[in-house]
Amino acid sequence: IEGGNGVRLSAGQPAVEAVALELGRSYPLPLAFERLLELAGSRQALRNILAAMVFSSFAQYHVHDFACQRSAGAKPVASRLARCQARESHRVANVRHGLVELDEPGRQLLLMLDGTRDQHAIAHDMAQIEGAPPIEEIERALPDSLVWLAGMGLLEA
């Protein structure tokens, strides 16, 4: 199992693997301690598991939630900071303060996610960019691109 910073976990312990998999499913959003408790078996076991994950850079502790979406809504909104950074760079900060590298189509897409367009309008506007593929191809790829952006912590709640 791979965690933060490319750290790999191979514990062979069911509780450790269950906690790691649940954290991975939630990423980039944090999970409450209580939500992981039943996977570990006890509070002390979960403390030990999480401490080992944090000390090895597999995971991070957080004391608050992040204002990001796990999926795109009807009119997706990327974080204002990321949109501002995307005007000048292919590297943008996500809501967890990590850097995300975007390719040019991803950068263009992020710039359009201001909450004023539905997916059809986004695809239409993307197709207007010089060198863009046909709108049908954009419409096929767009849902997966939005899922990826959400998974990277770039879409606002």
C-alpha atoms as a PDB file:
ATOM      1  CA  ILE A   1       0.000   0.000   0.000  1.00  0.00           C
ATOM      2  CA  GLU A   2       1.439   3.391  -0.961  1.00  0.00           C
ATOM      3  CA  GLY A   3       0.873   6.469   1.173  1.00  0.00           C
ATOM      4  CA  GLY A   4       2.102  10.034   1.314  1.00  0.00           C
ATOM      5  CA  ASN A   5       5.456  10.905  -0.216  1.00  0.00           C
ATOM      6  CA  GLY A   6       5.577   7.540  -2.010  1.00  0.00           C
ATOM      7  CA  VAL A   7       6.094   5.644   1.268  1.00  0.00           C
ATOM      8  CA  ARG A   8       5.098   1.986   0.931  1.00  0.00           C
ATOM      9  CA  LEU A   9       3.501   0.004   3.712  1.00  0.00           C
ATOM     10  CA  SER A  10       3.736  -3.785   3.922  1.00  0.00           C
ATOM     11  CA  ALA A  11       2.777  -4.574   7.483  1.00  0.00           C
ATOM     12  CA  GLY A  12       1.060  -7.925   7.051  1.00  0.00           C
ATOM     13  CA  GLN A  13      -1.165  -6.996  10.001  1.00  0.00           C
ATOM     14  CA  PRO A  14      -4.896  -6.876   9.169  1.00  0.00           C
ATOM     15  CA  ALA A  15      -5.636  -3.853  11.379  1.00  0.00           C
ATOM     16  CA  VAL A  16      -2.783  -1.813   9.893  1.00  0.00           C
ATOM     17  CA  GLU A  17      -3.804  -2.726   6.357  1.00  0.00           C
ATOM     18  CA  ALA A  18      -7.482  -1.936   7.043  1.00  0.00           C
ATOM     19  CA  VAL A  19      -6.626   1.512   8.445  1.00  0.00           C
ATOM     20  CA  ALA A  20      -4.268   2.238   5.534  1.00  0.00           C
ATOM     21  CA  LEU A  21      -6.861   1.217   2.945  1.00  0.00           C
ATOM     22  CA  GLU A  22      -9.552   3.346   4.603  1.00  0.00           C
ATOM     23  CA  LEU A  23      -7.220   6.347   4.680  1.00  0.00           C
ATOM     24  CA  GLY A  24      -6.467   5.762   0.996  1.00  0.00           C
ATOM     25  CA  ARG A  25     -10.161   5.652   0.098  1.00  0.00           C
ATOM     26  CA  SER A  26     -10.698   8.962   1.856  1.00  0.00           C
ATOM     27  CA  TYR A  27      -7.594  10.732   0.532  1.00  0.00           C
ATOM     28  CA  PRO A  28      -7.147  13.693   0.288  1.00  0.00           C
ATOM     29  CA  LEU A  29      -9.807  14.209   2.936  1.00  0.00           C
ATOM     30  CA  PRO A  30      -8.972  13.379   6.548  1.00  0.00           C
ATOM     31  CA  LEU A  31     -10.867  10.811   8.584  1.00  0.00           C
ATOM     32  CA  ALA A  32     -11.993  11.154  12.175  1.00  0.00           C
ATOM     33  CA  PHE A  33     -10.208   8.980  14.730  1.00  0.00           C
ATOM     34  CA  GLU A  34     -13.556   7.428  15.700  1.00  0.00           C
ATOM     35  CA  ARG A  35     -14.203   6.327  12.122  1.00  0.00           C
ATOM     36  CA  LEU A  36     -10.987   4.295  12.119  1.00  0.00           C
ATOM     37  CA  LEU A  37     -11.400   2.940  15.640  1.00  0.00           C
ATOM     38  CA  GLU A  38     -13.352  -0.215  14.802  1.00  0.00           C
ATOM     39  CA  LEU A  39     -10.757  -1.153  12.160  1.00  0.00           C
ATOM     40  CA  ALA A  40      -7.931  -1.100  14.708  1.00  0.00           C
ATOM     41  CA  GLY A  41      -9.735  -2.853  17.545  1.00  0.00           C
ATOM     42  CA  SER A  42      -8.856  -0.421  20.337  1.00  0.00           C
ATOM     43  CA  ARG A  43      -7.944   3.213  20.923  1.00  0.00           C
ATOM     44  CA  GLN A  44      -4.377   2.291  21.892  1.00  0.00           C
ATOM     45  CA  ALA A  45      -3.923   0.086  18.823  1.00  0.00           C
ATOM     46  CA  LEU A  46      -5.165   2.897  16.566  1.00  0.00           C
ATOM     47  CA  ARG A  47      -2.881   5.421  18.270  1.00  0.00           C
ATOM     48  CA  ASN A  48       0.082   3.128  17.663  1.00  0.00           C
ATOM     49  CA  ILE A  49      -0.888   2.464  14.033  1.00  0.00           C
ATOM     50  CA  LEU A  50      -1.389   6.149  13.257  1.00  0.00           C
ATOM     51  CA  ALA A  51       1.792   7.182  15.062  1.00  0.00           C
ATOM     52  CA  ALA A  52       3.818   4.695  13.011  1.00  0.00           C
ATOM     53  CA  MET A  53       2.155   5.909   9.803  1.00  0.00           C
ATOM     54  CA  VAL A  54       2.860   9.555  10.631  1.00  0.00           C
ATOM     55  CA  PHE A  55       6.453   8.955  11.760  1.00  0.00           C
ATOM     56  CA  SER A  56       7.175   7.080   8.520  1.00  0.00           C
ATOM     57  CA  SER A  57       5.536   9.862   6.419  1.00  0.00           C
ATOM     58  CA  PHE A  58       2.864   7.426   5.207  1.00  0.00           C
ATOM     59  CA  ALA A  59       0.127   9.685   6.622  1.00  0.00           C
ATOM     60  CA  GLN A  60      -0.352  13.032   8.371  1.00  0.00           C
ATOM     61  CA  TYR A  61      -2.258  14.143  11.447  1.00  0.00           C
ATOM     62  CA  HIS A  62      -4.847  16.893  10.982  1.00  0.00           C
ATOM     63  CA  VAL A  63      -7.069  18.583  13.514  1.00  0.00           C
ATOM     64  CA  HIS A  64      -9.560  19.982  11.011  1.00  0.00           C
ATOM     65  CA  ASP A  65     -11.458  19.044   7.880  1.00  0.00           C
ATOM     66  CA  PHE A  66     -10.528  20.396   4.478  1.00  0.00           C
ATOM     67  CA  ALA A  67     -13.022  22.308   2.377  1.00  0.00           C
ATOM     68  CA  CYS A  68     -12.844  20.095  -0.680  1.00  0.00           C
ATOM     69  CA  GLN A  69     -15.112  17.736  -2.592  1.00  0.00           C
ATOM     70  CA  ARG A  70     -14.569  14.045  -3.313  1.00  0.00           C
ATOM     71  CA  SER A  71     -16.596  14.441  -6.520  1.00  0.00           C
ATOM     72  CA  ALA A  72     -17.604  17.181  -8.927  1.00  0.00           C
ATOM     73  CA  GLY A  73     -21.013  18.754  -8.487  1.00  0.00           C
ATOM     74  CA  ALA A  74     -23.353  19.956 -11.225  1.00  0.00           C
ATOM     75  CA  LYS A  75     -21.239  23.100 -11.670  1.00  0.00           C
ATOM     76  CA  PRO A  76     -17.765  22.242 -10.360  1.00  0.00           C
ATOM     77  CA  VAL A  77     -15.706  24.838  -8.522  1.00  0.00           C
ATOM     78  CA  ALA A  78     -11.930  24.613  -8.186  1.00  0.00           C
ATOM     79  CA  SER A  79     -10.323  26.414  -5.288  1.00  0.00           C
ATOM     80  CA  ARG A  80      -9.751  30.093  -5.963  1.00  0.00           C
ATOM     81  CA  LEU A  81      -6.106  29.790  -4.977  1.00  0.00           C
ATOM     82  CA  ALA A  82      -5.522  26.945  -7.437  1.00  0.00           C
ATOM     83  CA  ARG A  83      -7.296  28.863 -10.232  1.00  0.00           C
ATOM     84  CA  CYS A  84      -5.202  31.933  -9.501  1.00  0.00           C
ATOM     85  CA  GLN A  85      -1.977  29.902  -9.533  1.00  0.00           C
ATOM     86  CA  ALA A  86      -3.029  28.098 -12.738  1.00  0.00           C
ATOM     87  CA  ARG A  87      -3.094  31.426 -14.579  1.00  0.00           C
ATOM     88  CA  GLU A  88       0.699  31.542 -14.292  1.00  0.00           C
ATOM     89  CA  SER A  89       1.843  27.983 -13.609  1.00  0.00           C
ATOM     90  CA  HIS A  90       1.218  24.277 -14.077  1.00  0.00           C
ATOM     91  CA  ARG A  91       1.874  23.751 -10.354  1.00  0.00           C
ATOM     92  CA  VAL A  92      -0.978  24.604  -8.004  1.00  0.00           C
ATOM     93  CA  ALA A  93      -1.627  24.145  -4.293  1.00  0.00           C
ATOM     94  CA  ASN A  94      -4.440  21.887  -3.181  1.00  0.00           C
ATOM     95  CA  VAL A  95      -6.536  22.391  -0.042  1.00  0.00           C
ATOM     96  CA  ARG A  96      -4.015  20.316   1.938  1.00  0.00           C
ATOM     97  CA  HIS A  97      -1.256  22.755   0.927  1.00  0.00           C
ATOM     98  CA  GLY A  98       0.389  20.143  -1.280  1.00  0.00           C
ATOM     99  CA  LEU A  99       1.543  20.859  -4.817  1.00  0.00           C
ATOM    100  CA  VAL A 100      -0.234  19.308  -7.784  1.00  0.00           C
ATOM    101  CA  GLU A 101       1.379  19.274 -11.233  1.00  0.00           C
ATOM    102  CA  LEU A 102      -1.095  19.837 -14.068  1.00  0.00           C
ATOM    103  CA  ASP A 103      -0.631  19.202 -17.775  1.00  0.00           C
ATOM    104  CA  GLU A 104      -1.812  21.952 -20.128  1.00  0.00           C
ATOM    105  CA  PRO A 105      -5.323  20.540 -20.666  1.00  0.00           C
ATOM    106  CA  GLY A 106      -5.667  20.070 -16.904  1.00  0.00           C
ATOM    107  CA  ARG A 107      -4.562  23.646 -16.287  1.00  0.00           C
ATOM    108  CA  GLN A 108      -7.077  24.934 -18.837  1.00  0.00           C
ATOM    109  CA  LEU A 109      -9.814  22.821 -17.267  1.00  0.00           C
ATOM    110  CA  LEU A 110      -9.010  24.035 -13.768  1.00  0.00           C
ATOM    111  CA  LEU A 111      -9.240  27.644 -14.933  1.00  0.00           C
ATOM    112  CA  MET A 112     -12.793  27.009 -16.155  1.00  0.00           C
ATOM    113  CA  LEU A 113     -14.044  25.523 -12.898  1.00  0.00           C
ATOM    114  CA  ASP A 114     -15.514  28.677 -11.409  1.00  0.00           C
ATOM    115  CA  GLY A 115     -18.991  27.313 -10.663  1.00  0.00           C
ATOM    116  CA  THR A 116     -20.674  28.975 -13.635  1.00  0.00           C
ATOM    117  CA  ARG A 117     -20.548  26.022 -16.056  1.00  0.00           C
ATOM    118  CA  ASP A 118     -22.038  22.547 -16.117  1.00  0.00           C
ATOM    119  CA  GLN A 119     -20.086  19.699 -17.714  1.00  0.00           C
ATOM    120  CA  HIS A 120     -21.589  20.293 -21.159  1.00  0.00           C
ATOM    121  CA  ALA A 121     -20.577  23.982 -21.071  1.00  0.00           C
ATOM    122  CA  ILE A 122     -17.108  23.071 -19.804  1.00  0.00           C
ATOM    123  CA  ALA A 123     -16.641  20.598 -22.673  1.00  0.00           C
ATOM    124  CA  HIS A 124     -17.904  23.197 -25.153  1.00  0.00           C
ATOM    125  CA  ASP A 125     -15.492  25.844 -23.873  1.00  0.00           C
ATOM    126  CA  MET A 126     -12.576  23.374 -23.763  1.00  0.00           C
ATOM    127  CA  ALA A 127     -13.265  22.489 -27.413  1.00  0.00           C
ATOM    128  CA  GLN A 128     -12.787  26.165 -28.321  1.00  0.00           C
ATOM    129  CA  ILE A 129      -9.156  26.134 -27.195  1.00  0.00           C
ATOM    130  CA  GLU A 130      -6.691  25.998 -30.058  1.00  0.00           C
ATOM    131  CA  GLY A 131      -5.463  22.453 -30.662  1.00  0.00           C
ATOM    132  CA  ALA A 132      -8.216  20.876 -28.546  1.00  0.00           C
ATOM    133  CA  PRO A 133      -9.631  17.470 -29.504  1.00  0.00           C
ATOM    134  CA  PRO A 134     -13.219  17.169 -30.776  1.00  0.00           C
ATOM    135  CA  ILE A 135     -15.933  17.960 -28.241  1.00  0.00           C
ATOM    136  CA  GLU A 136     -17.066  14.305 -28.194  1.00  0.00           C
ATOM    137  CA  GLU A 137     -13.640  13.233 -26.996  1.00  0.00           C
ATOM    138  CA  ILE A 138     -13.612  15.963 -24.362  1.00  0.00           C
ATOM    139  CA  GLU A 139     -17.076  14.940 -23.140  1.00  0.00           C
ATOM    140  CA  ARG A 140     -15.898  11.321 -22.758  1.00  0.00           C
ATOM    141  CA  ALA A 141     -12.756  12.298 -20.815  1.00  0.00           C
ATOM    142  CA  LEU A 142     -14.227  15.102 -18.714  1.00  0.00           C
ATOM    143  CA  PRO A 143     -15.867  13.018 -15.940  1.00  0.00           C
ATOM    144  CA  ASP A 144     -12.612  11.166 -15.233  1.00  0.00           C
ATOM    145  CA  SER A 145     -10.668  14.451 -15.285  1.00  0.00           C
ATOM    146  CA  LEU A 146     -13.051  15.958 -12.740  1.00  0.00           C
ATOM    147  CA  VAL A 147     -12.754  12.868 -10.525  1.00  0.00           C
ATOM    148  CA  TRP A 148      -8.957  13.208 -10.698  1.00  0.00           C
ATOM    149  CA  LEU A 149      -9.077  16.920  -9.785  1.00  0.00           C
ATOM    150  CA  ALA A 150     -11.377  16.105  -6.855  1.00  0.00           C
ATOM    151  CA  GLY A 151      -9.027  13.327  -5.764  1.00  0.00           C
ATOM    152  CA  MET A 152      -6.149  15.779  -5.792  1.00  0.00           C
ATOM    153  CA  GLY A 153      -8.024  18.088  -3.409  1.00  0.00           C
ATOM    154  CA  LEU A 154      -8.592  20.855  -5.948  1.00  0.00           C
ATOM    155  CA  LEU A 155     -12.401  21.099  -5.931  1.00  0.00           C
ATOM    156  CA  GLU A 156     -14.092  23.229  -3.284  1.00  0.00           C
ATOM    157  CA  ALA A 157     -16.938  22.045  -1.107  1.00  0.00           C
END
